C-alpha cells in the first residue's frame, strides 16, 4: 500500500521545512507548534516570513543551543 497526505497543513509544513536553508538551521517550528509545546521548551524566534500561497506572515522558531 501507498499513502499520500495532502492539504494546507502539509503544504505549510513543506514550506516551513524549506525555510531551514534560508535561516541556516536544521529544525524550525511554527507559532502553532510553539504554543502546543510545554512551557519549559526553549525556542528562539528565527524570523517572520511570508510563505508562498499565503497572505499573512508566519513566525518560525528553532530550539535553543545548549
C-alpha atoms as a PDB file:
ATOM      1  CA  UNK A   1       0.000   0.000   0.000  1.00  0.00           C
ATOM      2  CA  UNK A   2       0.970   3.567  -0.530  1.00  0.00           C
ATOM      3  CA  UNK A   3      -0.384   6.553   1.307  1.00  0.00           C
ATOM      4  CA  UNK A   4      -0.271  10.222   0.406  1.00  0.00           C
ATOM      5  CA  UNK A   5      -1.051  13.144   2.645  1.00  0.00           C
ATOM      6  CA  UNK A   6      -2.348  16.324   1.047  1.00  0.00           C
ATOM      7  CA  UNK A   7      -3.814  19.600   2.162  1.00  0.00           C
ATOM      8  CA  UNK A   8      -2.968  23.019   3.503  1.00  0.00           C
ATOM      9  CA  UNK A   9      -1.224  21.711   6.641  1.00  0.00           C
ATOM     10  CA  UNK A  10       1.099  19.507   4.592  1.00  0.00           C
ATOM     11  CA  UNK A  11       1.891  22.354   2.180  1.00  0.00           C
ATOM     12  CA  UNK A  12       2.614  24.717   5.072  1.00  0.00           C
ATOM     13  CA  UNK A  13       4.905  22.171   6.747  1.00  0.00           C
ATOM     14  CA  UNK A  14       6.800  21.650   3.494  1.00  0.00           C
ATOM     15  CA  UNK A  15       7.280  25.386   3.020  1.00  0.00           C
ATOM     16  CA  UNK A  16       8.462  25.821   6.625  1.00  0.00           C
ATOM     17  CA  UNK A  17      10.940  22.986   6.076  1.00  0.00           C
ATOM     18  CA  UNK A  18      12.305  24.803   3.019  1.00  0.00           C
ATOM     19  CA  UNK A  19      12.972  27.858   5.227  1.00  0.00           C
ATOM     20  CA  UNK A  20      15.608  25.894   7.176  1.00  0.00           C
ATOM     21  CA  UNK A  21      18.065  26.618   4.368  1.00  0.00           C
ATOM     22  CA  UNK A  22      17.316  30.350   4.431  1.00  0.00           C
ATOM     23  CA  UNK A  23      17.785  30.547   8.198  1.00  0.00           C
ATOM     24  CA  UNK A  24      20.703  28.086   8.299  1.00  0.00           C
ATOM     25  CA  UNK A  25      19.122  25.754  10.865  1.00  0.00           C
ATOM     26  CA  UNK A  26      18.144  22.078  10.977  1.00  0.00           C
ATOM     27  CA  UNK A  27      14.776  22.474  12.725  1.00  0.00           C
ATOM     28  CA  UNK A  28      12.034  25.096  12.513  1.00  0.00           C
ATOM     29  CA  UNK A  29       8.725  25.134  14.331  1.00  0.00           C
ATOM     30  CA  UNK A  30       5.709  27.306  13.593  1.00  0.00           C
ATOM     31  CA  UNK A  31       3.925  29.526  16.097  1.00  0.00           C
ATOM     32  CA  UNK A  32       1.187  26.891  16.375  1.00  0.00           C
ATOM     33  CA  UNK A  33       3.730  24.217  17.309  1.00  0.00           C
ATOM     34  CA  UNK A  34       5.431  26.546  19.800  1.00  0.00           C
ATOM     35  CA  UNK A  35       2.108  27.162  21.567  1.00  0.00           C
ATOM     36  CA  UNK A  36       1.498  23.426  21.942  1.00  0.00           C
ATOM     37  CA  UNK A  37       4.894  22.641  23.464  1.00  0.00           C
ATOM     38  CA  UNK A  38       5.478  22.555  27.204  1.00  0.00           C
ATOM     39  CA  UNK A  39       6.426  25.838  28.827  1.00  0.00           C
ATOM     40  CA  UNK A  40       9.946  24.636  29.612  1.00  0.00           C
ATOM     41  CA  UNK A  41      10.791  24.115  25.936  1.00  0.00           C
ATOM     42  CA  UNK A  42      13.217  26.862  24.940  1.00  0.00           C
ATOM     43  CA  UNK A  43      12.756  28.192  21.437  1.00  0.00           C
ATOM     44  CA  UNK A  44      14.237  31.234  19.750  1.00  0.00           C
ATOM     45  CA  UNK A  45      12.400  33.297  17.154  1.00  0.00           C
ATOM     46  CA  UNK A  46      14.163  32.806  13.823  1.00  0.00           C
ATOM     47  CA  UNK A  47      12.112  35.144  11.729  1.00  0.00           C
ATOM     48  CA  UNK A  48       8.851  36.073  10.170  1.00  0.00           C
ATOM     49  CA  UNK A  49       8.342  35.036   6.572  1.00  0.00           C
ATOM     50  CA  UNK A  50       5.538  35.016   4.053  1.00  0.00           C
ATOM     51  CA  UNK A  51       5.069  31.531   2.658  1.00  0.00           C
ATOM     52  CA  UNK A  52       4.222  31.014  -0.991  1.00  0.00           C
ATOM     53  CA  UNK A  53       0.451  30.842  -1.354  1.00  0.00           C
ATOM     54  CA  UNK A  54      -0.223  32.622   1.952  1.00  0.00           C
ATOM     55  CA  UNK A  55      -1.269  36.227   2.506  1.00  0.00           C
ATOM     56  CA  UNK A  56      -0.022  36.538   6.062  1.00  0.00           C
ATOM     57  CA  UNK A  57       3.408  36.080   7.578  1.00  0.00           C
ATOM     58  CA  UNK A  58       4.357  33.133   9.762  1.00  0.00           C
ATOM     59  CA  UNK A  59       6.783  33.194  12.683  1.00  0.00           C
ATOM     60  CA  UNK A  60       9.268  30.358  12.901  1.00  0.00           C
ATOM     61  CA  UNK A  61      11.282  29.208  15.893  1.00  0.00           C
ATOM     62  CA  UNK A  62      14.282  26.978  16.457  1.00  0.00           C
ATOM     63  CA  UNK A  63      15.432  25.152  19.609  1.00  0.00           C
ATOM     64  CA  UNK A  64      17.995  26.961  21.758  1.00  0.00           C
ATOM     65  CA  UNK A  65      21.559  25.671  21.517  1.00  0.00           C
ATOM     66  CA  UNK A  66      22.963  24.131  24.649  1.00  0.00           C
END
